[in-house]
Amino acid sequence: MLIDLKVNIYVFDITLQEIKAVLNNWVRSLELKKYENLHEKTRQLFESRGTRSEHIETEIALLENNLNNLGISLVDNYNLNPKFCCDEAELEKFLTKVFKGNKSRAHDTQCVARVYNSREGGTVSSLNNTFSVFISSNKYLAEVTTRFFKNDIEPNSIQLVVSEKWLATFLWLKHPENFKNLPFDLLLTEAYSALNTDDRFWNAFLRRLKDLKAKGEITEQDFNSVRWNSSTFSMAQKASVLDGDEIPDEDIYEIVANVKAKEHKKINATVKLQENQIETLSGSIDNINTNIKNFFKPVSHVLALIVTLAYSILWVIGTYHYGPQLFTSSISMFDSSNYKYFIYLFIIFYVNSYCRYFCV
């Protein structure tokens, strides 16, 4: 949509470096298996997608190329016009004072200073004018920056830093037919944001959970199960909305119990699935055995018939040649050939009985 509106999209080199730094931190955390260094939602996303450090390294190598394919150009080594520079030191000091914490504001300061410099002191009062603006997901940064430049930029002008919500509204004004549901979507987004507090609740929850483990009120196994379960974050988030950042012990116990119950349910479902697979495999083996028996049963009958016929034919031949001698010769004339005949008949009879026993 931005490209259709002929909007040029740029990313500063310092922003690209910061993105790569975040990605490299993810790589190290995955390689060293220090998952606690990852944001919980990021860890859950990696786990659900099976993301490994090699995948992220590939994304880092292709980052600039992917940005170019999206129509985003890289601004490398931006040259400031000395005539239109702002006081970056005061701006960074102001941002650090307002936001507090140990997080550096150097990136935000440089980006805002470059956008301010690119306007060359001009005032932007219409969306139809050509202007530059810094889009940030941090709506508070837009408010704080507006306060800092209140003497330089008129209140009714388009400010240096605007939020993603401002960008969505801008697109809606330009092409309302493509954003018919924007007012409702914005209301839904605001409601979702109100229910999603910052990371303080998660850090407070982990601290309380570790304290309970140290006191022996929950086991090491329970701690690990709850800490790395994908549903724990949403449960703790819900509890923080109702009780604030300091979640009571009773709620933590309830979360532990719910996580354990879900894990047991998942294990039981897995066991049941495996039992069904074993039962299905056993049924398949029985069917194969039945098919084999059904196949070899007529074959065995044919083999038994052939052996019986062969035995009968040999019996007739043997009786024809040696039978008369058995009944007409004297004992002195009963030589070894007669014994061979009886041994021969015994072997044939044994083979015939064996085949009939195992083949029929």
Protein backbone atom coordinates (compact mmCIF):
# COMPACT_ATOMS: atom_id res chain seq x y z
CA MET A 1 0.00 0.00 0.00
CA LEU A 2 2.80 2.44 0.84
CA ILE A 3 4.53 1.63 -2.42
CA ASP A 4 1.26 2.16 -4.33
CA LEU A 5 1.04 5.60 -2.71
CA LYS A 6 4.60 6.29 -3.96
CA VAL A 7 5.94 6.48 -0.42
CA ASN A 8 9.67 5.93 -0.14
CA ILE A 9 10.53 3.60 2.73
CA TYR A 10 14.00 3.83 4.26
CA VAL A 11 15.85 2.21 7.11
CA PHE A 12 18.88 3.88 8.68
CA ASP A 13 22.13 1.96 8.96
CA ILE A 14 22.01 2.31 12.77
CA THR A 15 18.58 0.65 12.76
CA LEU A 16 19.90 -2.19 10.63
CA GLN A 17 22.84 -2.62 13.02
CA GLU A 18 20.46 -2.74 15.97
CA ILE A 19 18.31 -5.36 14.25
CA LYS A 20 21.38 -7.49 13.54
CA ALA A 21 22.49 -7.10 17.16
CA VAL A 22 19.13 -8.44 18.35
CA LEU A 23 19.30 -11.34 15.90
CA ASN A 24 22.88 -12.16 16.95
CA ASN A 25 21.79 -12.15 20.59
CA TRP A 26 19.10 -14.68 19.67
CA VAL A 27 21.74 -16.83 17.96
CA ARG A 28 24.00 -16.83 21.03
CA SER A 29 21.09 -17.57 23.36
CA LEU A 30 20.04 -20.57 21.26
CA GLU A 31 23.60 -21.87 20.85
CA LEU A 32 24.31 -21.62 24.59
CA LYS A 33 20.77 -22.78 25.46
CA LYS A 34 20.28 -19.68 27.63
CA TYR A 35 16.59 -19.42 26.87
CA GLU A 36 16.02 -17.13 29.83
CA ASN A 37 17.74 -14.36 27.81
CA LEU A 38 14.90 -14.49 25.27
CA HIS A 39 11.59 -12.76 25.65
CA GLU A 40 9.03 -15.37 26.62
CA LYS A 41 6.89 -14.88 23.52
CA THR A 42 10.00 -15.08 21.34
CA ARG A 43 11.05 -18.32 23.04
CA GLN A 44 7.59 -19.79 22.51
CA LEU A 45 7.65 -18.78 18.84
CA PHE A 46 11.06 -20.40 18.32
CA GLU A 47 9.88 -23.56 20.07
CA SER A 48 6.67 -23.82 18.03
CA ARG A 49 8.52 -23.33 14.72
CA GLY A 50 11.57 -25.40 15.60
CA THR A 51 13.84 -22.41 14.97
CA ARG A 52 17.55 -23.07 15.42
CA SER A 53 20.53 -20.72 15.49
CA GLU A 54 21.43 -21.68 11.90
CA HIS A 55 18.06 -20.42 10.67
CA ILE A 56 18.60 -17.00 12.27
CA GLU A 57 22.15 -16.77 10.92
CA THR A 58 20.71 -17.31 7.44
CA GLU A 59 18.19 -14.52 8.01
CA ILE A 60 21.00 -12.19 9.12
CA ALA A 61 22.95 -12.89 5.93
CA LEU A 62 19.86 -12.25 3.76
CA LEU A 63 18.51 -9.31 5.77
CA GLU A 64 19.57 -6.48 3.45
CA ASN A 65 18.52 -8.41 0.36
CA ASN A 66 15.10 -9.18 1.86
CA LEU A 67 14.60 -5.52 2.75
CA ASN A 68 15.40 -4.51 -0.82
CA ASN A 69 12.90 -7.06 -2.12
CA LEU A 70 10.26 -5.44 0.09
CA GLY A 71 11.03 -2.04 -1.39
CA ILE A 72 12.89 -0.78 1.70
CA SER A 73 16.09 1.12 0.95
CA LEU A 74 19.09 1.38 3.25
CA VAL A 75 20.37 4.85 4.19
CA ASP A 76 24.04 4.35 4.93
CA ASN A 77 26.26 7.08 6.44
CA TYR A 78 23.65 9.82 6.41
CA ASN A 79 25.27 13.24 6.05
CA LEU A 80 23.75 15.87 8.30
CA ASN A 81 23.33 19.40 7.03
CA PRO A 82 25.06 21.57 9.68
CA LYS A 83 22.51 24.36 9.15
CA PHE A 84 19.56 22.25 10.34
CA CYS A 85 20.92 20.13 13.17
CA CYS A 86 19.18 19.78 16.50
CA ASP A 87 20.83 19.35 19.89
CA GLU A 88 21.29 15.57 19.95
CA ALA A 89 22.89 15.56 23.41
CA GLU A 90 19.91 17.36 24.96
CA LEU A 91 17.47 15.17 23.06
CA GLU A 92 19.12 11.97 24.32
CA LYS A 93 19.25 13.36 27.85
CA PHE A 94 15.56 14.24 27.67
CA LEU A 95 14.57 10.80 26.36
CA THR A 96 16.67 9.02 29.00
CA LYS A 97 15.13 11.13 31.75
CA VAL A 98 11.56 10.42 30.63
CA PHE A 99 11.87 6.71 29.89
CA LYS A 100 14.42 5.96 32.64
CA GLY A 101 15.99 2.51 32.91
CA ASN A 102 19.37 1.40 31.64
CA LYS A 103 18.35 1.14 27.98
CA SER A 104 20.35 3.38 25.68
CA ARG A 105 18.42 5.97 23.70
CA ALA A 106 21.24 6.63 21.22
CA HIS A 107 19.40 4.88 18.37
CA ASP A 108 16.16 6.82 18.84
CA THR A 109 18.10 10.05 19.22
CA GLN A 110 20.05 9.62 15.98
CA CYS A 111 16.98 8.59 13.97
CA VAL A 112 14.93 11.56 15.18
CA ALA A 113 17.86 13.94 14.59
CA ARG A 114 18.27 12.72 11.01
CA VAL A 115 14.57 13.12 10.22
CA TYR A 116 14.63 16.60 11.75
CA ASN A 117 17.67 17.46 9.63
CA SER A 118 16.05 16.13 6.44
CA ARG A 119 13.13 18.58 6.80
CA GLU A 120 15.55 21.52 6.72
CA GLY A 121 13.43 23.59 9.05
CA GLY A 122 10.28 23.31 6.93
CA THR A 123 6.75 22.96 8.29
CA VAL A 124 4.52 20.14 7.08
CA SER A 125 0.87 21.09 7.28
CA SER A 126 -0.68 18.84 4.64
CA LEU A 127 -0.55 15.16 3.79
CA ASN A 128 -0.16 16.14 0.16
CA ASN A 129 3.22 17.75 0.87
CA THR A 130 6.49 15.93 0.54
CA PHE A 131 7.89 15.24 4.00
CA SER A 132 9.86 12.74 6.02
CA VAL A 133 8.65 11.08 9.20
CA PHE A 134 9.96 8.49 11.63
CA ILE A 135 7.51 5.61 12.22
CA SER A 136 7.86 3.94 15.62
CA SER A 137 5.95 1.18 17.37
CA ASN A 138 6.58 3.10 20.61
CA LYS A 139 3.71 5.60 20.80
CA TYR A 140 5.26 7.19 23.89
CA LEU A 141 8.36 8.08 21.88
CA ALA A 142 6.15 10.08 19.53
CA GLU A 143 4.55 11.95 22.43
CA VAL A 144 7.86 12.69 24.18
CA THR A 145 9.56 13.84 20.96
CA THR A 146 6.66 16.17 20.22
CA ARG A 147 7.11 17.76 23.64
CA PHE A 148 10.84 18.23 23.07
CA PHE A 149 10.36 19.96 19.68
CA LYS A 150 7.29 22.00 20.69
CA ASN A 151 9.17 25.25 20.09
CA ASP A 152 10.51 24.16 16.69
CA ILE A 153 7.49 22.42 15.16
CA GLU A 154 3.98 23.83 15.24
CA PRO A 155 1.37 21.73 17.06
CA ASN A 156 -0.86 21.49 13.96
CA SER A 157 2.03 20.29 11.81
CA ILE A 158 2.90 16.67 11.14
CA GLN A 159 5.38 15.76 13.84
CA LEU A 160 8.79 14.15 13.41
CA VAL A 161 7.86 10.87 15.09
CA VAL A 162 4.47 9.21 14.59
CA SER A 163 3.06 5.88 15.69
CA GLU A 164 1.96 2.91 13.64
CA LYS A 165 -1.61 3.88 14.51
CA TRP A 166 -1.02 7.25 12.85
CA LEU A 167 0.28 5.46 9.76
CA ALA A 168 -2.82 3.22 9.64
CA THR A 169 -5.06 6.30 9.91
CA PHE A 170 -3.07 7.99 7.16
CA LEU A 171 -3.62 5.03 4.84
CA TRP A 172 -7.31 5.00 5.73
CA LEU A 173 -7.65 8.67 4.76
CA LYS A 174 -5.94 8.02 1.45
CA HIS A 175 -7.76 4.78 0.60
CA PRO A 176 -10.82 4.32 2.83
CA GLU A 177 -12.20 1.64 0.48
CA ASN A 178 -9.32 -0.66 1.45
CA PHE A 179 -9.64 -0.04 5.20
CA LYS A 180 -13.38 -0.17 5.87
CA ASN A 181 -12.93 -1.93 9.22
CA LEU A 182 -10.12 0.31 10.46
CA PRO A 183 -12.08 2.07 13.27
CA PHE A 184 -13.18 -1.27 14.73
CA ASP A 185 -9.69 -2.74 14.31
CA LEU A 186 -8.14 0.23 16.12
CA LEU A 187 -10.63 -0.18 18.98
CA LEU A 188 -9.79 -3.87 19.17
CA THR A 189 -6.08 -3.07 19.17
CA GLU A 190 -6.47 -0.58 22.01
CA ALA A 191 -8.41 -3.15 24.05
CA TYR A 192 -5.75 -5.78 23.40
CA SER A 193 -2.98 -3.36 24.39
CA ALA A 194 -4.78 -2.55 27.63
CA LEU A 195 -4.78 -6.24 28.54
CA ASN A 196 -1.14 -6.69 27.58
CA THR A 197 0.97 -5.04 30.24
CA ASP A 198 4.71 -4.65 29.95
CA ASP A 199 7.31 -7.22 30.97
CA ARG A 200 7.34 -6.17 34.62
CA PHE A 201 4.57 -8.63 35.47
CA TRP A 202 6.53 -11.51 33.90
CA ASN A 203 9.74 -10.66 35.76
CA ALA A 204 7.78 -10.30 39.00
CA PHE A 205 6.11 -13.65 38.42
CA LEU A 206 9.45 -15.41 37.81
CA ARG A 207 10.90 -13.82 40.92
CA ARG A 208 8.00 -15.05 43.06
CA LEU A 209 8.21 -18.48 41.48
CA LYS A 210 11.93 -18.74 42.30
CA ASP A 211 11.23 -17.64 45.88
CA LEU A 212 8.67 -20.43 46.32
CA LYS A 213 11.16 -22.96 44.95
CA ALA A 214 13.87 -21.69 47.32
CA LYS A 215 11.48 -22.08 50.26
CA GLY A 216 10.71 -25.65 49.20
CA GLU A 217 7.02 -24.92 48.59
CA ILE A 218 7.28 -26.14 45.00
CA THR A 219 9.68 -28.75 43.64
CA GLU A 220 12.44 -28.25 41.11
CA GLN A 221 10.44 -30.31 38.62
CA ASP A 222 7.35 -28.15 39.15
CA PHE A 223 9.44 -25.01 38.70
CA ASN A 224 10.94 -26.20 35.40
CA SER A 225 7.57 -27.42 34.13
CA VAL A 226 5.91 -24.09 34.86
CA ARG A 227 8.85 -21.89 33.79
CA TRP A 228 9.14 -23.36 30.29
CA ASN A 229 5.49 -24.15 29.62
CA SER A 230 4.03 -22.16 26.73
CA SER A 231 0.76 -21.45 28.53
CA THR A 232 2.37 -19.99 31.68
CA PHE A 233 2.89 -16.55 30.15
CA SER A 234 -0.80 -16.06 29.34
CA MET A 235 -1.85 -17.35 32.77
CA ALA A 236 0.52 -14.99 34.56
CA GLN A 237 -0.58 -12.15 32.31
CA LYS A 238 -4.23 -12.74 33.18
CA ALA A 239 -3.38 -12.83 36.89
CA SER A 240 -1.45 -9.56 36.61
CA VAL A 241 -4.42 -7.83 34.97
CA LEU A 242 -6.60 -8.86 37.93
CA ASP A 243 -4.08 -8.48 40.78
CA GLY A 244 -1.34 -6.17 39.50
CA ASP A 245 2.36 -6.94 39.10
CA GLU A 246 2.66 -8.57 42.54
CA ILE A 247 0.76 -11.81 41.99
CA PRO A 248 -0.40 -13.50 45.23
CA ASP A 249 1.01 -16.90 46.19
CA GLU A 250 -2.45 -18.46 45.86
CA ASP A 251 -2.60 -17.47 42.20
CA ILE A 252 0.89 -18.86 41.61
CA TYR A 253 -0.13 -22.17 43.20
CA GLU A 254 -3.18 -22.21 40.97
CA ILE A 255 -1.03 -21.57 37.88
CA VAL A 256 1.32 -24.41 38.90
CA ALA A 257 -1.65 -26.75 39.36
CA ASN A 258 -3.17 -25.76 36.01
CA VAL A 259 0.11 -26.24 34.17
CA LYS A 260 0.64 -29.67 35.75
CA ALA A 261 -2.92 -30.67 34.90
CA LYS A 262 -2.40 -29.63 31.27
CA GLU A 263 0.87 -31.55 31.08
CA HIS A 264 -0.74 -34.68 32.55
CA LYS A 265 -3.58 -34.35 30.08
CA LYS A 266 -1.09 -34.00 27.24
CA ILE A 267 0.90 -37.03 28.46
CA ASN A 268 -2.27 -39.12 28.77
CA ALA A 269 -3.31 -38.13 25.26
CA THR A 270 0.13 -39.12 23.96
CA VAL A 271 0.00 -42.48 25.76
CA LYS A 272 -3.49 -43.15 24.43
CA LEU A 273 -2.36 -42.30 20.91
CA GLN A 274 0.60 -44.68 21.19
CA GLU A 275 -1.65 -47.42 22.57
CA ASN A 276 -3.99 -46.97 19.61
CA GLN A 277 -1.03 -47.14 17.24
CA ILE A 278 0.20 -50.35 18.91
CA GLU A 279 -3.28 -51.84 18.74
CA THR A 280 -3.55 -50.92 15.08
CA LEU A 281 -0.11 -52.41 14.38
CA SER A 282 -1.02 -55.59 16.25
CA GLY A 283 -4.21 -55.90 14.19
CA SER A 284 -2.18 -55.43 11.02
CA ILE A 285 0.24 -58.19 12.06
CA ASP A 286 -2.67 -60.54 12.81
CA ASN A 287 -4.13 -59.81 9.39
CA ILE A 288 -0.77 -60.53 7.76
CA ASN A 289 -0.48 -63.84 9.63
CA THR A 290 -4.00 -64.78 8.56
CA ASN A 291 -3.24 -63.92 4.94
CA ILE A 292 -0.03 -65.98 5.06
CA LYS A 293 -1.91 -68.98 6.49
CA ASN A 294 -4.65 -68.63 3.90
CA PHE A 295 -2.02 -68.51 1.16
CA PHE A 296 0.04 -71.53 2.28
CA LYS A 297 -2.89 -73.77 3.27
CA PRO A 298 -3.82 -74.80 -0.32
CA VAL A 299 -0.12 -74.96 -1.19
CA SER A 300 0.51 -77.36 1.69
CA HIS A 301 -2.40 -79.52 0.56
CA VAL A 302 -0.96 -79.70 -2.94
CA LEU A 303 2.49 -80.64 -1.59
CA ALA A 304 0.97 -83.33 0.64
CA LEU A 305 -0.93 -84.70 -2.35
CA ILE A 306 2.22 -84.79 -4.48
CA VAL A 307 4.17 -86.57 -1.74
CA THR A 308 1.32 -89.06 -1.23
CA LEU A 309 1.14 -89.79 -4.95
CA ALA A 310 4.91 -90.19 -5.12
CA TYR A 311 4.80 -92.55 -2.14
CA SER A 312 2.02 -94.59 -3.72
CA ILE A 313 3.85 -94.85 -7.02
CA LEU A 314 7.09 -95.90 -5.31
CA TRP A 315 5.16 -98.37 -3.20
CA VAL A 316 3.64 -99.97 -6.29
CA ILE A 317 7.02 -100.10 -8.06
CA GLY A 318 8.74 -101.56 -5.03
CA THR A 319 6.05 -104.12 -4.46
CA TYR A 320 6.17 -105.12 -8.12
CA HIS A 321 9.95 -105.76 -8.04
CA TYR A 322 10.50 -107.08 -4.52
CA GLY A 323 7.10 -108.26 -3.37
CA PRO A 324 7.22 -111.75 -4.93
CA GLN A 325 10.61 -112.46 -3.36
CA LEU A 326 9.31 -111.67 0.10
CA PHE A 327 6.78 -114.45 -0.08
CA THR A 328 8.53 -117.01 -2.30
CA SER A 329 12.21 -116.88 -1.25
CA SER A 330 13.53 -118.96 1.58
CA ILE A 331 15.17 -117.47 4.58
CA SER A 332 18.61 -118.23 3.19
CA MET A 333 17.76 -116.43 -0.02
CA PHE A 334 16.51 -113.29 1.83
CA ASP A 335 19.50 -111.06 0.97
CA SER A 336 20.33 -107.43 1.79
CA SER A 337 18.24 -106.02 -1.06
CA ASN A 338 15.14 -107.12 0.81
CA TYR A 339 16.27 -105.16 3.87
CA LYS A 340 16.98 -102.15 1.66
CA TYR A 341 13.44 -102.35 0.41
CA PHE A 342 12.00 -102.27 3.94
CA ILE A 343 14.27 -99.36 4.93
CA TYR A 344 13.25 -97.56 1.78
CA LEU A 345 9.57 -98.08 2.52
CA PHE A 346 10.08 -96.87 6.11
CA ILE A 347 11.71 -93.63 4.96
CA ILE A 348 8.96 -92.95 2.44
CA PHE A 349 6.30 -93.65 5.06
CA TYR A 350 8.01 -91.28 7.54
CA VAL A 351 8.30 -88.47 4.98
CA ASN A 352 4.69 -88.93 3.98
CA SER A 353 3.50 -88.79 7.60
CA TYR A 354 5.65 -85.72 8.30
CA CYS A 355 4.24 -83.84 5.33
CA ARG A 356 0.67 -84.76 6.14
CA TYR A 357 1.13 -83.65 9.75
CA PHE A 358 2.69 -80.26 9.03
CA CYS A 359 1.04 -79.42 5.75
CA VAL A 360 -2.57 -80.39 6.27
